[in-house]
Amino acid sequence: MDRLTAPENCTSMATLRAQIDSIDVELIALLVTRSRYIDRAVDLKKIEGLPARTTGRVAEVLDKVAATATAQGLDPTLARKLWGELIEWSIQRELTELPE
């Protein structure tokens, strides 16, 4: 990520918005990387005989995300909601090739 201007050093909304836009680009890049791992999970789940949806793993990820969010000062409810959507999207993607 390019060096960001600290929020307290942004002196205009244009500067602040540019920083947010830069963060958004990086978030998208991370989501692309994550989706590649989801694609690989399909192959490995086929080999290991695992279904697309593994409820215990979903709960584990959501708990970790909430704990990480709390530790870093982000609302854990927001983190759970965002990751819940991301996980469900991932499962739907896996379901094109795996049983539920």
Protein backbone atom coordinates (compact mmCIF):
# COMPACT_ATOMS: atom_id res chain seq x y z
CA MET A 1 0.00 0.00 0.00
CA ASP A 2 1.24 3.45 -0.78
CA ARG A 3 2.11 5.51 2.23
CA LEU A 4 -1.11 6.93 3.59
CA THR A 5 -1.61 10.31 5.15
CA ALA A 6 -2.70 9.82 8.76
CA PRO A 7 -6.37 10.71 9.25
CA GLU A 8 -5.51 13.57 11.60
CA ASN A 9 -3.21 15.03 8.92
CA CYS A 10 -5.88 15.13 6.22
CA THR A 11 -6.78 18.77 5.83
CA SER A 12 -9.57 18.40 3.29
CA MET A 13 -12.28 15.93 2.36
CA ALA A 14 -10.55 15.43 -1.01
CA THR A 15 -7.38 14.28 0.74
CA LEU A 16 -9.32 12.08 3.14
CA ARG A 17 -11.33 10.51 0.32
CA ALA A 18 -8.16 9.80 -1.65
CA GLN A 19 -6.80 7.90 1.35
CA ILE A 20 -10.01 5.88 1.67
CA ASP A 21 -9.93 5.13 -2.07
CA SER A 22 -6.36 3.82 -1.70
CA ILE A 23 -7.43 1.59 1.17
CA ASP A 24 -10.35 0.30 -0.91
CA VAL A 25 -7.99 -0.69 -3.73
CA GLU A 26 -5.87 -2.66 -1.27
CA LEU A 27 -8.93 -4.32 0.25
CA ILE A 28 -10.05 -5.47 -3.20
CA ALA A 29 -6.59 -6.86 -3.91
CA LEU A 30 -6.72 -8.82 -0.64
CA LEU A 31 -10.19 -10.15 -1.50
CA VAL A 32 -8.90 -11.31 -4.89
CA THR A 33 -6.07 -13.14 -3.15
CA ARG A 34 -8.51 -14.68 -0.66
CA SER A 35 -10.75 -15.86 -3.50
CA ARG A 36 -7.81 -17.71 -5.05
CA TYR A 37 -7.46 -19.64 -1.81
CA ILE A 38 -11.17 -20.42 -1.92
CA ASP A 39 -10.69 -21.79 -5.44
CA ARG A 40 -7.90 -24.03 -4.15
CA ALA A 41 -10.10 -25.11 -1.24
CA VAL A 42 -12.50 -26.63 -3.77
CA ASP A 43 -9.74 -28.90 -5.10
CA LEU A 44 -8.59 -29.91 -1.63
CA LYS A 45 -12.12 -30.47 -0.34
CA LYS A 46 -12.74 -32.82 -3.28
CA ILE A 47 -9.60 -34.80 -2.41
CA GLU A 48 -10.44 -34.87 1.30
CA GLY A 49 -14.16 -35.56 0.78
CA LEU A 50 -15.29 -32.41 2.55
CA PRO A 51 -18.49 -30.49 1.80
CA ALA A 52 -18.59 -26.84 0.81
CA ARG A 53 -20.18 -25.82 4.12
CA THR A 54 -18.43 -26.89 7.30
CA THR A 55 -20.41 -25.27 10.08
CA GLY A 56 -17.70 -25.66 12.70
CA ARG A 57 -15.17 -23.90 10.50
CA VAL A 58 -17.58 -21.05 9.75
CA ALA A 59 -18.12 -20.49 13.48
CA GLU A 60 -14.37 -20.67 14.11
CA VAL A 61 -13.61 -18.05 11.44
CA LEU A 62 -16.35 -15.71 12.70
CA ASP A 63 -15.10 -16.03 16.28
CA LYS A 64 -11.51 -15.29 15.22
CA VAL A 65 -12.61 -12.31 13.15
CA ALA A 66 -14.66 -10.88 16.02
CA ALA A 67 -11.76 -11.31 18.45
CA THR A 68 -9.31 -9.71 16.03
CA ALA A 69 -11.71 -6.83 15.38
CA THR A 70 -12.16 -6.24 19.10
CA ALA A 71 -8.41 -6.31 19.71
CA GLN A 72 -7.84 -3.77 16.95
CA GLY A 73 -10.69 -1.44 17.87
CA LEU A 74 -13.24 -2.40 15.22
CA ASP A 75 -16.83 -3.22 16.08
CA PRO A 76 -16.92 -7.04 16.23
CA THR A 77 -20.57 -7.06 15.10
CA LEU A 78 -19.56 -5.28 11.90
CA ALA A 79 -16.66 -7.68 11.36
CA ARG A 80 -18.93 -10.71 11.85
CA LYS A 81 -21.47 -9.30 9.41
CA LEU A 82 -18.87 -8.54 6.73
CA TRP A 83 -17.16 -11.90 7.08
CA GLY A 84 -20.49 -13.69 7.21
CA GLU A 85 -21.25 -12.26 3.76
CA LEU A 86 -17.77 -13.13 2.52
CA ILE A 87 -18.01 -16.68 3.84
CA GLU A 88 -21.47 -17.22 2.35
CA TRP A 89 -20.24 -15.91 -1.02
CA SER A 90 -17.30 -18.33 -0.79
CA ILE A 91 -19.56 -21.27 0.04
CA GLN A 92 -21.86 -20.45 -2.87
CA ARG A 93 -18.82 -20.36 -5.14
CA GLU A 94 -17.71 -23.77 -3.82
CA LEU A 95 -21.19 -25.22 -4.25
CA THR A 96 -20.81 -25.05 -8.01
CA GLU A 97 -18.47 -28.02 -7.65
CA LEU A 98 -19.09 -29.51 -4.20
CA PRO A 99 -22.02 -30.87 -2.23
CA GLU A 100 -23.26 -28.77 0.68
